[in-house]
Each structure stands twice: as C-alpha cells, then as structure tokens.
C-alpha cells in the first residue's frame, strides 16, 4: 500500500513498560486484598483499560473498586513508568525513517496522555509524533474507533492510506471499525494467528520487519 501516515499503539507496539505495569498491578491488587498477580497474567491485560484489567484479574466489576484500583496503580507507577519504560529495538530507526520520508506519525493508546508524554519526554522522543491521543481523551476506549479516527483526521491522509500498527486484537478491531489498514506487531502476548483473524496488510515479527515492510 501507498502509506501516507502511520499511527501506532504504544504498549507492546513501540514501548515496553512491563516492569512498571506489573508493579502497579501488584501494588493495587494486594492493597485491595487480592493475591499478588502472576506477571504473565498482568501482561495479558495490556491494551485494556486499567478498570477492565482489574476485572479480568479479579472478576470484580464494581466501579468504585475499579476506581480505587486505578488510583493505587497510578500511585505506584507515576514515577516508575517514565523511568523504566523503554522503546523496543528498531523503534528509533523506524520513526526516524518515517520522518525522513515525510510520513507523519501519531499514537493512539489506552494509556493516559500525560503519562505517555512524560515517557516520550524522558526518551527524547516528543518530536517523533505529530499528535498523541490518550485513553482519557475519548468517550469510548478501543476498540471503539473514536481515537483512531481523530488521529486520522489530524494527520490529513486518507483513511485508506493511513496505517494503524498495534499488537493486540483490540488494535486490529479498532482499525477494522475505523476503515483503516492494520499491521500487527508481535512484541506483546498476542500471536500471529490471533491477529490474522482480522483484516491486515502485514504482521511484523518486530519493528525492524515493519520498517522493511514500509521500505524505509
């Protein structure tokens, strides 16, 4: 495809915040009286809202408990996440290639935008993206296409020439509902087989492979 703009998910697509996410979940759940969660169980919640992740791990869907869990998670992760989050190998080269090719980039994520901007600032990556759409900036989280459509409009390329790159079936469904081509990235817990169930133009083993696919 003739790609004129690229939009990314963040967690397990471009960046790895596992250390702080696991720490935040363990802090929040144990403070609420739940057993300490397994690392891999927490990793499988990444891509969902914190409220949904809490319910996935506990079975408790009480909004007050979800809100308290979010507050406890943030209490732990507020400083830890910017300090420990790292970009995956190939991210800098991919994004530099897009910039050199004149292809604008953005991020659409369930992570709150203030946290993401602190991470980008810490990594010296603020100038890599024309815009960031965080989870608190939309009325409905992914897979609702609201955030992705907002970013498509802001970047100015036609939807059919804008590529959304993500690591989960949530991202794949978001792209499908927005009418935007999708490329999967296998940096997270979702398999190629799971992503292949959705319309896609490519499934990349890593960001180096995605860069090669985009001919950058």
C-alpha atoms as a PDB file:
ATOM      1  CA  UNK A   1       0.000   0.000   0.000  1.00  0.00           C
ATOM      2  CA  UNK A   2       0.991   3.616  -0.516  1.00  0.00           C
ATOM      3  CA  UNK A   3       1.354   4.710   3.108  1.00  0.00           C
ATOM      4  CA  UNK A   4       0.903   8.437   3.677  1.00  0.00           C
ATOM      5  CA  UNK A   5       0.593   8.407   7.502  1.00  0.00           C
ATOM      6  CA  UNK A   6       1.271   5.890  10.275  1.00  0.00           C
ATOM      7  CA  UNK A   7      -0.460   5.664  13.646  1.00  0.00           C
ATOM      8  CA  UNK A   8       0.815   3.437  16.439  1.00  0.00           C
ATOM      9  CA  UNK A   9      -0.477   1.875  19.594  1.00  0.00           C
ATOM     10  CA  UNK A  10       2.159   2.273  22.316  1.00  0.00           C
ATOM     11  CA  UNK A  11       2.395  -0.535  24.895  1.00  0.00           C
ATOM     12  CA  UNK A  12       3.938  -3.670  23.329  1.00  0.00           C
ATOM     13  CA  UNK A  13       3.906  -1.999  19.933  1.00  0.00           C
ATOM     14  CA  UNK A  14       6.539   0.718  20.329  1.00  0.00           C
ATOM     15  CA  UNK A  15       7.388   0.548  24.016  1.00  0.00           C
ATOM     16  CA  UNK A  16       7.855  -1.907  26.881  1.00  0.00           C
ATOM     17  CA  UNK A  17       6.517  -0.750  30.257  1.00  0.00           C
ATOM     18  CA  UNK A  18       6.239  -4.249  31.736  1.00  0.00           C
ATOM     19  CA  UNK A  19       8.203  -3.509  34.895  1.00  0.00           C
ATOM     20  CA  UNK A  20       6.034  -0.598  35.997  1.00  0.00           C
ATOM     21  CA  UNK A  21       2.748  -2.151  34.847  1.00  0.00           C
ATOM     22  CA  UNK A  22       3.357  -5.353  36.807  1.00  0.00           C
ATOM     23  CA  UNK A  23       4.466  -3.338  39.834  1.00  0.00           C
ATOM     24  CA  UNK A  24       1.362  -1.159  39.612  1.00  0.00           C
ATOM     25  CA  UNK A  25      -0.995  -4.115  39.346  1.00  0.00           C
ATOM     26  CA  UNK A  26       0.659  -5.917  42.230  1.00  0.00           C
ATOM     27  CA  UNK A  27       0.539  -2.812  44.403  1.00  0.00           C
ATOM     28  CA  UNK A  28      -3.084  -2.069  43.590  1.00  0.00           C
ATOM     29  CA  UNK A  29      -4.424  -5.603  43.900  1.00  0.00           C
ATOM     30  CA  UNK A  30      -2.645  -6.531  47.117  1.00  0.00           C
ATOM     31  CA  UNK A  31      -3.672  -3.217  48.700  1.00  0.00           C
ATOM     32  CA  UNK A  32      -7.273  -4.189  47.936  1.00  0.00           C
ATOM     33  CA  UNK A  33      -6.834  -7.622  49.491  1.00  0.00           C
ATOM     34  CA  UNK A  34      -6.336  -9.678  46.322  1.00  0.00           C
ATOM     35  CA  UNK A  35      -3.457 -12.146  45.818  1.00  0.00           C
ATOM     36  CA  UNK A  36      -0.368 -10.867  44.031  1.00  0.00           C
ATOM     37  CA  UNK A  37      -0.980 -11.472  40.315  1.00  0.00           C
ATOM     38  CA  UNK A  38       1.258 -13.507  38.048  1.00  0.00           C
ATOM     39  CA  UNK A  39       3.475 -11.455  35.729  1.00  0.00           C
ATOM     40  CA  UNK A  40       2.140 -13.102  32.569  1.00  0.00           C
ATOM     41  CA  UNK A  41      -1.464 -12.651  33.685  1.00  0.00           C
ATOM     42  CA  UNK A  42      -0.792  -8.927  34.067  1.00  0.00           C
ATOM     43  CA  UNK A  43       0.907  -8.770  30.666  1.00  0.00           C
ATOM     44  CA  UNK A  44      -2.237 -10.156  29.070  1.00  0.00           C
ATOM     45  CA  UNK A  45      -4.233  -7.170  30.360  1.00  0.00           C
ATOM     46  CA  UNK A  46      -2.042  -4.674  28.483  1.00  0.00           C
ATOM     47  CA  UNK A  47      -4.110  -2.910  25.844  1.00  0.00           C
ATOM     48  CA  UNK A  48      -7.224  -2.853  28.004  1.00  0.00           C
ATOM     49  CA  UNK A  49      -8.139  -0.024  30.362  1.00  0.00           C
ATOM     50  CA  UNK A  50      -6.935  -0.399  33.950  1.00  0.00           C
ATOM     51  CA  UNK A  51     -10.541  -0.834  35.036  1.00  0.00           C
ATOM     52  CA  UNK A  52     -11.051  -3.691  32.582  1.00  0.00           C
ATOM     53  CA  UNK A  53      -7.715  -5.224  33.550  1.00  0.00           C
ATOM     54  CA  UNK A  54      -8.696  -5.167  37.226  1.00  0.00           C
ATOM     55  CA  UNK A  55     -11.912  -7.008  36.433  1.00  0.00           C
ATOM     56  CA  UNK A  56     -10.138  -9.508  34.169  1.00  0.00           C
ATOM     57  CA  UNK A  57      -7.844 -10.492  37.044  1.00  0.00           C
ATOM     58  CA  UNK A  58     -10.387 -10.425  39.877  1.00  0.00           C
ATOM     59  CA  UNK A  59     -13.851 -10.944  38.429  1.00  0.00           C
ATOM     60  CA  UNK A  60     -14.939  -7.842  40.379  1.00  0.00           C
ATOM     61  CA  UNK A  61     -16.704  -5.237  38.220  1.00  0.00           C
ATOM     62  CA  UNK A  62     -17.665  -2.798  40.982  1.00  0.00           C
ATOM     63  CA  UNK A  63     -16.952   0.713  39.573  1.00  0.00           C
ATOM     64  CA  UNK A  64     -15.856   2.006  42.983  1.00  0.00           C
ATOM     65  CA  UNK A  65     -13.322  -0.792  43.334  1.00  0.00           C
ATOM     66  CA  UNK A  66     -12.114  -0.230  39.776  1.00  0.00           C
ATOM     67  CA  UNK A  67     -11.613   3.467  40.521  1.00  0.00           C
ATOM     68  CA  UNK A  68      -9.739   2.703  43.729  1.00  0.00           C
ATOM     69  CA  UNK A  69      -7.524   0.250  41.862  1.00  0.00           C
ATOM     70  CA  UNK A  70      -6.690   2.898  39.243  1.00  0.00           C
ATOM     71  CA  UNK A  71      -5.691   5.345  41.971  1.00  0.00           C
ATOM     72  CA  UNK A  72      -3.451   2.755  43.629  1.00  0.00           C
ATOM     73  CA  UNK A  73      -1.902   1.752  40.294  1.00  0.00           C
ATOM     74  CA  UNK A  74      -1.080   5.368  39.468  1.00  0.00           C
ATOM     75  CA  UNK A  75       0.305   5.891  42.980  1.00  0.00           C
ATOM     76  CA  UNK A  76       2.887   3.200  42.267  1.00  0.00           C
ATOM     77  CA  UNK A  77       3.508   3.784  38.559  1.00  0.00           C
ATOM     78  CA  UNK A  78       3.545   7.600  38.427  1.00  0.00           C
ATOM     79  CA  UNK A  79       7.314   7.900  38.722  1.00  0.00           C
ATOM     80  CA  UNK A  80       8.288   4.316  37.928  1.00  0.00           C
ATOM     81  CA  UNK A  81       6.739   4.179  34.464  1.00  0.00           C
ATOM     82  CA  UNK A  82       8.604   7.097  32.840  1.00  0.00           C
ATOM     83  CA  UNK A  83      11.852   5.948  34.448  1.00  0.00           C
ATOM     84  CA  UNK A  84      11.664   2.296  33.348  1.00  0.00           C
ATOM     85  CA  UNK A  85       9.761   2.267  30.030  1.00  0.00           C
ATOM     86  CA  UNK A  86      11.955   1.598  27.020  1.00  0.00           C
ATOM     87  CA  UNK A  87      11.357   1.613  23.282  1.00  0.00           C
ATOM     88  CA  UNK A  88      11.670  -1.724  21.540  1.00  0.00           C
ATOM     89  CA  UNK A  89      14.681  -2.283  19.260  1.00  0.00           C
ATOM     90  CA  UNK A  90      14.134  -0.663  15.894  1.00  0.00           C
ATOM     91  CA  UNK A  91      11.649   1.960  17.130  1.00  0.00           C
ATOM     92  CA  UNK A  92      14.018   4.909  16.793  1.00  0.00           C
ATOM     93  CA  UNK A  93      15.151   3.807  13.359  1.00  0.00           C
ATOM     94  CA  UNK A  94      11.561   3.205  12.182  1.00  0.00           C
ATOM     95  CA  UNK A  95      10.349   6.587  13.371  1.00  0.00           C
ATOM     96  CA  UNK A  96      13.419   8.367  12.018  1.00  0.00           C
ATOM     97  CA  UNK A  97      12.784   6.705   8.656  1.00  0.00           C
ATOM     98  CA  UNK A  98       9.178   7.901   8.650  1.00  0.00           C
ATOM     99  CA  UNK A  99      10.256  11.441   9.455  1.00  0.00           C
ATOM    100  CA  UNK A 100      12.908  11.427   6.720  1.00  0.00           C
ATOM    101  CA  UNK A 101      10.320  10.140   4.242  1.00  0.00           C
ATOM    102  CA  UNK A 102       7.913  12.929   5.200  1.00  0.00           C
ATOM    103  CA  UNK A 103       5.349  10.485   6.609  1.00  0.00           C
ATOM    104  CA  UNK A 104       3.632  11.893   9.735  1.00  0.00           C
ATOM    105  CA  UNK A 105       3.179   9.657  12.782  1.00  0.00           C
ATOM    106  CA  UNK A 106       0.838   9.636  15.773  1.00  0.00           C
ATOM    107  CA  UNK A 107      -0.039   7.453  18.768  1.00  0.00           C
ATOM    108  CA  UNK A 108      -3.500   6.233  19.786  1.00  0.00           C
ATOM    109  CA  UNK A 109      -3.422   4.363  23.090  1.00  0.00           C
ATOM    110  CA  UNK A 110      -5.454   3.459  26.165  1.00  0.00           C
ATOM    111  CA  UNK A 111      -2.577   4.838  28.285  1.00  0.00           C
ATOM    112  CA  UNK A 112      -3.323   8.311  29.613  1.00  0.00           C
ATOM    113  CA  UNK A 113      -1.703  11.009  27.510  1.00  0.00           C
ATOM    114  CA  UNK A 114       0.029  12.785  30.394  1.00  0.00           C
ATOM    115  CA  UNK A 115       1.884   9.589  31.309  1.00  0.00           C
ATOM    116  CA  UNK A 116       2.775   8.879  27.688  1.00  0.00           C
ATOM    117  CA  UNK A 117       4.098  12.398  27.171  1.00  0.00           C
ATOM    118  CA  UNK A 118       6.290  12.004  30.261  1.00  0.00           C
ATOM    119  CA  UNK A 119       7.651   8.760  28.815  1.00  0.00           C
ATOM    120  CA  UNK A 120       8.312  10.380  25.429  1.00  0.00           C
ATOM    121  CA  UNK A 121       9.997  13.350  27.083  1.00  0.00           C
ATOM    122  CA  UNK A 122      12.220  11.044  29.151  1.00  0.00           C
ATOM    123  CA  UNK A 123      13.246   9.217  25.968  1.00  0.00           C
ATOM    124  CA  UNK A 124      13.768  12.416  23.952  1.00  0.00           C
ATOM    125  CA  UNK A 125      11.039  11.290  21.558  1.00  0.00           C
ATOM    126  CA  UNK A 126       8.476  14.097  21.786  1.00  0.00           C
ATOM    127  CA  UNK A 127       9.241  15.335  18.280  1.00  0.00           C
ATOM    128  CA  UNK A 128       8.643  11.937  16.696  1.00  0.00           C
ATOM    129  CA  UNK A 129       4.847  12.261  16.749  1.00  0.00           C
ATOM    130  CA  UNK A 130       2.513  14.888  15.388  1.00  0.00           C
ATOM    131  CA  UNK A 131      -0.126  14.018  17.986  1.00  0.00           C
ATOM    132  CA  UNK A 132      -0.954  11.676  20.858  1.00  0.00           C
ATOM    133  CA  UNK A 133      -4.492  10.521  21.681  1.00  0.00           C
ATOM    134  CA  UNK A 134      -4.661   9.075  25.199  1.00  0.00           C
ATOM    135  CA  UNK A 135      -7.339   6.957  26.785  1.00  0.00           C
ATOM    136  CA  UNK A 136      -8.762   9.797  28.846  1.00  0.00           C
ATOM    137  CA  UNK A 137      -9.295  11.936  25.729  1.00  0.00           C
ATOM    138  CA  UNK A 138     -12.018   9.771  24.203  1.00  0.00           C
ATOM    139  CA  UNK A 139     -15.530   8.946  25.343  1.00  0.00           C
ATOM    140  CA  UNK A 140     -15.127   5.249  24.483  1.00  0.00           C
ATOM    141  CA  UNK A 141     -11.888   3.202  24.629  1.00  0.00           C
ATOM    142  CA  UNK A 142     -10.569   0.976  21.875  1.00  0.00           C
ATOM    143  CA  UNK A 143     -11.849  -0.998  20.024  1.00  0.00           C
ATOM    144  CA  UNK A 144     -14.212   1.952  19.547  1.00  0.00           C
ATOM    145  CA  UNK A 145     -12.636   3.849  16.627  1.00  0.00           C
ATOM    146  CA  UNK A 146     -13.106   7.357  18.061  1.00  0.00           C
ATOM    147  CA  UNK A 147      -9.465   7.969  18.949  1.00  0.00           C
ATOM    148  CA  UNK A 148      -8.090   6.463  15.763  1.00  0.00           C
ATOM    149  CA  UNK A 149     -10.458   8.477  13.572  1.00  0.00           C
ATOM    150  CA  UNK A 150      -9.431  11.642  15.410  1.00  0.00           C
ATOM    151  CA  UNK A 151      -5.776  10.938  14.671  1.00  0.00           C
ATOM    152  CA  UNK A 152      -6.515  10.099  11.026  1.00  0.00           C
ATOM    153  CA  UNK A 153      -8.243  13.456  10.621  1.00  0.00           C
ATOM    154  CA  UNK A 154      -5.367  15.294  12.309  1.00  0.00           C
ATOM    155  CA  UNK A 155      -2.679  13.703  10.127  1.00  0.00           C
ATOM    156  CA  UNK A 156      -4.585  14.628   6.991  1.00  0.00           C
ATOM    157  CA  UNK A 157      -4.041  11.480   4.905  1.00  0.00           C
ATOM    158  CA  UNK A 158      -6.969   9.455   3.548  1.00  0.00           C
ATOM    159  CA  UNK A 159      -8.034   6.648   5.878  1.00  0.00           C
ATOM    160  CA  UNK A 160      -7.167   4.031   3.245  1.00  0.00           C
ATOM    161  CA  UNK A 161      -3.594   5.447   3.071  1.00  0.00           C
ATOM    162  CA  UNK A 162      -3.149   5.588   6.849  1.00  0.00           C
ATOM    163  CA  UNK A 163      -1.672   2.519   8.560  1.00  0.00           C
ATOM    164  CA  UNK A 164      -2.512   1.632  12.167  1.00  0.00           C
ATOM    165  CA  UNK A 165       0.101  -0.553  13.867  1.00  0.00           C
ATOM    166  CA  UNK A 166      -0.689  -2.480  17.042  1.00  0.00           C
ATOM    167  CA  UNK A 167      -0.001  -5.658  18.970  1.00  0.00           C
ATOM    168  CA  UNK A 168      -3.452  -6.846  20.089  1.00  0.00           C
ATOM    169  CA  UNK A 169      -6.761  -7.941  18.626  1.00  0.00           C
ATOM    170  CA  UNK A 170      -8.139  -4.771  20.251  1.00  0.00           C
ATOM    171  CA  UNK A 171      -5.964  -2.734  17.888  1.00  0.00           C
ATOM    172  CA  UNK A 172      -6.909  -4.907  14.927  1.00  0.00           C
ATOM    173  CA  UNK A 173     -10.615  -4.475  15.620  1.00  0.00           C
ATOM    174  CA  UNK A 174     -10.153  -0.724  16.123  1.00  0.00           C
ATOM    175  CA  UNK A 175      -8.568  -0.434  12.698  1.00  0.00           C
ATOM    176  CA  UNK A 176     -11.298  -2.561  11.134  1.00  0.00           C
ATOM    177  CA  UNK A 177     -14.049  -0.417  12.643  1.00  0.00           C
ATOM    178  CA  UNK A 178     -12.295   2.783  11.521  1.00  0.00           C
ATOM    179  CA  UNK A 179     -11.783   1.545   7.970  1.00  0.00           C
ATOM    180  CA  UNK A 180      -8.022   1.869   8.344  1.00  0.00           C
ATOM    181  CA  UNK A 181      -5.472  -0.734   7.153  1.00  0.00           C
ATOM    182  CA  UNK A 182      -3.828  -2.646  10.010  1.00  0.00           C
ATOM    183  CA  UNK A 183      -0.333  -4.010  10.584  1.00  0.00           C
ATOM    184  CA  UNK A 184       0.280  -6.299  13.546  1.00  0.00           C
ATOM    185  CA  UNK A 185       3.476  -6.218  15.601  1.00  0.00           C
ATOM    186  CA  UNK A 186       4.409  -9.290  17.650  1.00  0.00           C
ATOM    187  CA  UNK A 187       6.034  -7.517  20.592  1.00  0.00           C
ATOM    188  CA  UNK A 188       3.320  -8.463  23.084  1.00  0.00           C
ATOM    189  CA  UNK A 189       1.323 -11.506  24.150  1.00  0.00           C
ATOM    190  CA  UNK A 190      -0.939 -11.808  21.077  1.00  0.00           C
ATOM    191  CA  UNK A 191       0.017 -14.396  18.483  1.00  0.00           C
ATOM    192  CA  UNK A 192       0.216 -14.027  14.722  1.00  0.00           C
ATOM    193  CA  UNK A 193      -2.666 -16.486  14.426  1.00  0.00           C
ATOM    194  CA  UNK A 194      -4.888 -14.341  16.646  1.00  0.00           C
ATOM    195  CA  UNK A 195      -4.073 -11.180  14.689  1.00  0.00           C
ATOM    196  CA  UNK A 196      -4.573 -12.965  11.382  1.00  0.00           C
ATOM    197  CA  UNK A 197      -8.256 -13.408  12.185  1.00  0.00           C
ATOM    198  CA  UNK A 198      -8.685  -9.695  11.406  1.00  0.00           C
ATOM    199  CA  UNK A 199      -8.099  -7.794   8.165  1.00  0.00           C
ATOM    200  CA  UNK A 200      -4.430  -6.854   7.923  1.00  0.00           C
ATOM    201  CA  UNK A 201      -1.821  -5.836   5.391  1.00  0.00           C
ATOM    202  CA  UNK A 202       1.147  -7.257   7.308  1.00  0.00           C
ATOM    203  CA  UNK A 203       2.117  -8.936  10.564  1.00  0.00           C
ATOM    204  CA  UNK A 204       5.626  -7.947  11.633  1.00  0.00           C
ATOM    205  CA  UNK A 205       7.814 -10.088  13.853  1.00  0.00           C
ATOM    206  CA  UNK A 206       9.365  -6.895  15.229  1.00  0.00           C
ATOM    207  CA  UNK A 207       9.851  -3.216  14.412  1.00  0.00           C
ATOM    208  CA  UNK A 208      12.777  -3.937  12.114  1.00  0.00           C
ATOM    209  CA  UNK A 209      10.473  -6.058   9.977  1.00  0.00           C
ATOM    210  CA  UNK A 210       7.860  -3.300   9.974  1.00  0.00           C
ATOM    211  CA  UNK A 211      10.485  -0.786   8.844  1.00  0.00           C
ATOM    212  CA  UNK A 212      11.455  -3.109   5.983  1.00  0.00           C
ATOM    213  CA  UNK A 213       7.804  -3.585   5.001  1.00  0.00           C
ATOM    214  CA  UNK A 214       7.398   0.196   4.799  1.00  0.00           C
ATOM    215  CA  UNK A 215      10.555   0.402   2.647  1.00  0.00           C
ATOM    216  CA  UNK A 216      12.195   2.966   4.926  1.00  0.00           C
END
